Protein backbone atom coordinates (compact mmCIF):
# COMPACT_ATOMS: atom_id res chain seq x y z
CA MET A 1 166.01 56.12 86.61
CA GLU A 2 164.03 54.73 89.57
CA LEU A 3 160.79 55.22 87.67
CA MET A 4 162.16 53.24 84.73
CA GLY A 5 163.28 50.48 87.11
CA VAL A 6 159.71 50.10 88.35
CA THR A 7 158.39 50.28 84.77
CA ILE A 8 160.74 47.50 83.67
CA GLY A 9 159.82 45.47 86.76
CA ALA A 10 156.11 45.79 85.94
CA ARG A 11 156.80 44.77 82.34
CA ALA A 12 158.79 41.75 83.53
CA LEU A 13 156.00 40.63 85.86
CA ARG A 14 153.44 40.97 83.06
CA PHE A 15 155.73 38.98 80.71
CA VAL A 16 156.30 36.17 83.24
CA GLU A 17 152.58 35.82 83.94
CA LYS A 18 151.85 35.65 80.21
CA GLN A 19 154.59 33.08 79.56
CA LEU A 20 153.50 30.86 82.44
CA ARG A 21 149.95 30.84 81.03
CA LYS A 22 148.72 30.76 84.59
CA GLU A 23 147.09 33.43 86.63
CA ILE A 24 149.27 34.67 89.46
CA SER A 25 147.06 35.59 92.39
CA ARG A 26 149.40 38.11 94.03
CA MET A 27 152.50 39.95 92.86
CA PHE A 28 154.86 42.31 94.66
CA LEU A 29 157.14 44.95 93.23
CA TRP A 30 159.71 46.40 95.64
CA THR A 31 161.52 49.72 95.29
CA ASP A 32 163.51 51.95 97.60
CA SER A 33 162.22 55.08 95.87
CA THR A 34 159.62 56.78 98.05
CA VAL A 35 159.12 59.39 95.33
CA VAL A 36 158.12 56.77 92.74
CA LEU A 37 155.85 55.03 95.27
CA GLY A 38 154.23 58.38 96.02
CA TRP A 39 153.67 59.02 92.32
CA ILE A 40 152.13 55.54 91.85
CA ASN A 41 149.84 55.85 94.87
CA GLY A 42 148.78 59.36 93.86
CA TYR A 43 148.14 58.23 90.29
CA GLN A 44 146.06 55.25 91.44
CA ARG A 45 144.01 57.50 93.74
CA LYS A 46 143.77 60.21 91.08
CA THR A 47 145.28 62.71 93.51
CA GLY A 48 148.30 64.95 93.20
CA SER A 49 149.41 67.37 90.59
CA ARG A 50 150.00 66.53 86.95
CA ARG A 51 153.50 65.44 86.12
CA ASP A 52 155.37 65.79 82.87
CA LEU A 53 154.21 63.58 79.99
CA PHE A 54 157.05 61.06 80.34
CA VAL A 55 156.25 60.42 84.01
CA GLU A 56 152.50 60.30 83.38
CA ASN A 57 152.95 57.73 80.60
CA ARG A 58 155.16 55.52 82.78
CA LEU A 59 152.66 55.71 85.65
CA LYS A 60 149.84 54.79 83.29
CA GLU A 61 151.78 51.74 82.08
CA ILE A 62 152.80 50.67 85.59
CA THR A 63 149.33 50.90 87.06
CA LYS A 64 147.59 49.15 84.15
CA THR A 65 149.93 46.18 84.47
CA THR A 66 147.68 44.33 86.86
CA ALA A 67 145.38 45.00 89.75
CA LYS A 68 147.11 42.18 91.66
CA LEU A 69 150.42 44.03 91.71
CA GLU A 70 151.30 45.40 95.15
CA PHE A 71 153.92 48.12 95.38
CA ARG A 72 156.09 47.97 98.49
CA HIS A 73 159.01 49.90 99.91
CA VAL A 74 162.33 48.21 100.67
CA SER A 75 165.00 50.18 102.50
CA SER A 76 168.16 50.93 100.55
CA SER A 77 170.13 48.90 103.08
CA GLU A 78 168.07 45.80 102.19
CA ASN A 79 167.71 46.45 98.45
CA ALA A 80 169.61 43.75 96.57
CA ALA A 81 169.68 45.87 93.41
CA ASP A 82 171.70 48.53 95.21
CA VAL A 83 174.56 46.09 95.80
CA ALA A 84 175.71 46.29 92.18
CA THR A 85 175.31 50.07 91.96
CA ARG A 86 177.38 50.86 95.04
CA GLY A 87 180.75 49.79 93.66
CA THR A 88 181.67 46.21 94.38
CA THR A 89 183.78 43.55 92.72
CA PRO A 90 182.60 40.32 91.07
CA GLU A 91 184.49 38.42 93.76
CA LYS A 92 182.57 40.16 96.55
CA LEU A 93 179.27 39.59 94.73
CA THR A 94 179.81 35.83 94.78
CA GLU A 95 179.83 35.96 98.58
CA MET A 96 176.93 38.39 99.11
CA ASP A 97 173.82 36.62 100.35
CA ARG A 98 171.62 39.68 99.75
CA TRP A 99 172.68 39.77 96.07
CA TRP A 100 171.75 36.13 95.45
CA ASN A 101 168.76 35.73 97.77
CA GLY A 102 167.37 39.20 98.37
CA PRO A 103 166.44 40.65 101.74
CA ARG A 104 166.04 38.14 104.58
CA PHE A 105 162.41 39.08 105.18
CA LEU A 106 161.45 37.63 101.77
CA ARG A 107 162.23 34.16 103.12
CA SER A 108 159.29 34.38 105.49
CA SER A 109 155.62 34.43 104.58
CA PRO A 110 154.21 37.65 103.06
CA GLU A 111 152.28 38.32 106.27
CA ASN A 112 155.64 38.93 107.97
CA TRP A 113 157.01 41.29 105.31
CA PRO A 114 157.29 45.02 105.92
CA THR A 115 154.17 46.80 104.74
CA GLY A 116 155.74 50.20 104.27
CA ALA A 117 153.29 52.50 102.56
CA VAL A 118 153.66 55.88 100.97
CA ASP A 119 151.05 58.55 101.41
CA PRO A 120 151.03 61.30 98.77
CA THR A 121 149.83 64.60 100.16
CA VAL A 122 148.61 67.27 97.78
CA THR A 123 149.83 70.76 98.56
CA ASP A 124 149.57 74.08 96.73
CA SER A 125 153.04 73.60 95.31
CA GLY A 126 152.50 70.02 94.17
CA THR A 127 152.75 66.62 95.78
CA SER A 128 154.82 65.86 98.83
CA VAL A 129 155.48 62.32 99.99
CA THR A 130 155.19 60.98 103.51
CA MET A 131 156.70 57.57 104.16
CA VAL A 132 154.80 55.38 106.58
CA THR A 133 156.88 52.34 107.44
CA ASP A 134 155.73 49.26 109.28
CA THR A 135 158.38 46.91 110.57
CA PRO A 136 158.12 43.22 109.73
CA LYS A 137 156.05 41.18 112.12
CA SER A 138 157.83 38.65 114.28
CA PRO A 139 157.27 35.08 113.10
CA ALA A 140 154.94 33.23 115.47
């Protein structure tokens, strides 16, 4: 399901860029799935073991979307998409800042955003994922 979320996000970014008829210089796609980020990074680096055909095809589509697309990790506690999947009411949603505006760090410049990266490590039994998280920089 997380892999499909990233696939749909990549499709949406490609669609928006096409509809705007303007080149977007930099795009970000955020997910809280370290496994999916590990798959993407391993696929881009051509490292890691082969995955099943469904996963391979999604990774191929995601990574061909655009070279300008940066994949980033957002913690589950800051992921606005998780709000609706954790059991809430429409009334509570109307009052949730994170639902309407996303994580607070997105309101600052990209230089101050977390730069969490995922490092896929190839082992004999397949690919393991190591999360390397940077905290957001303090605004100057």
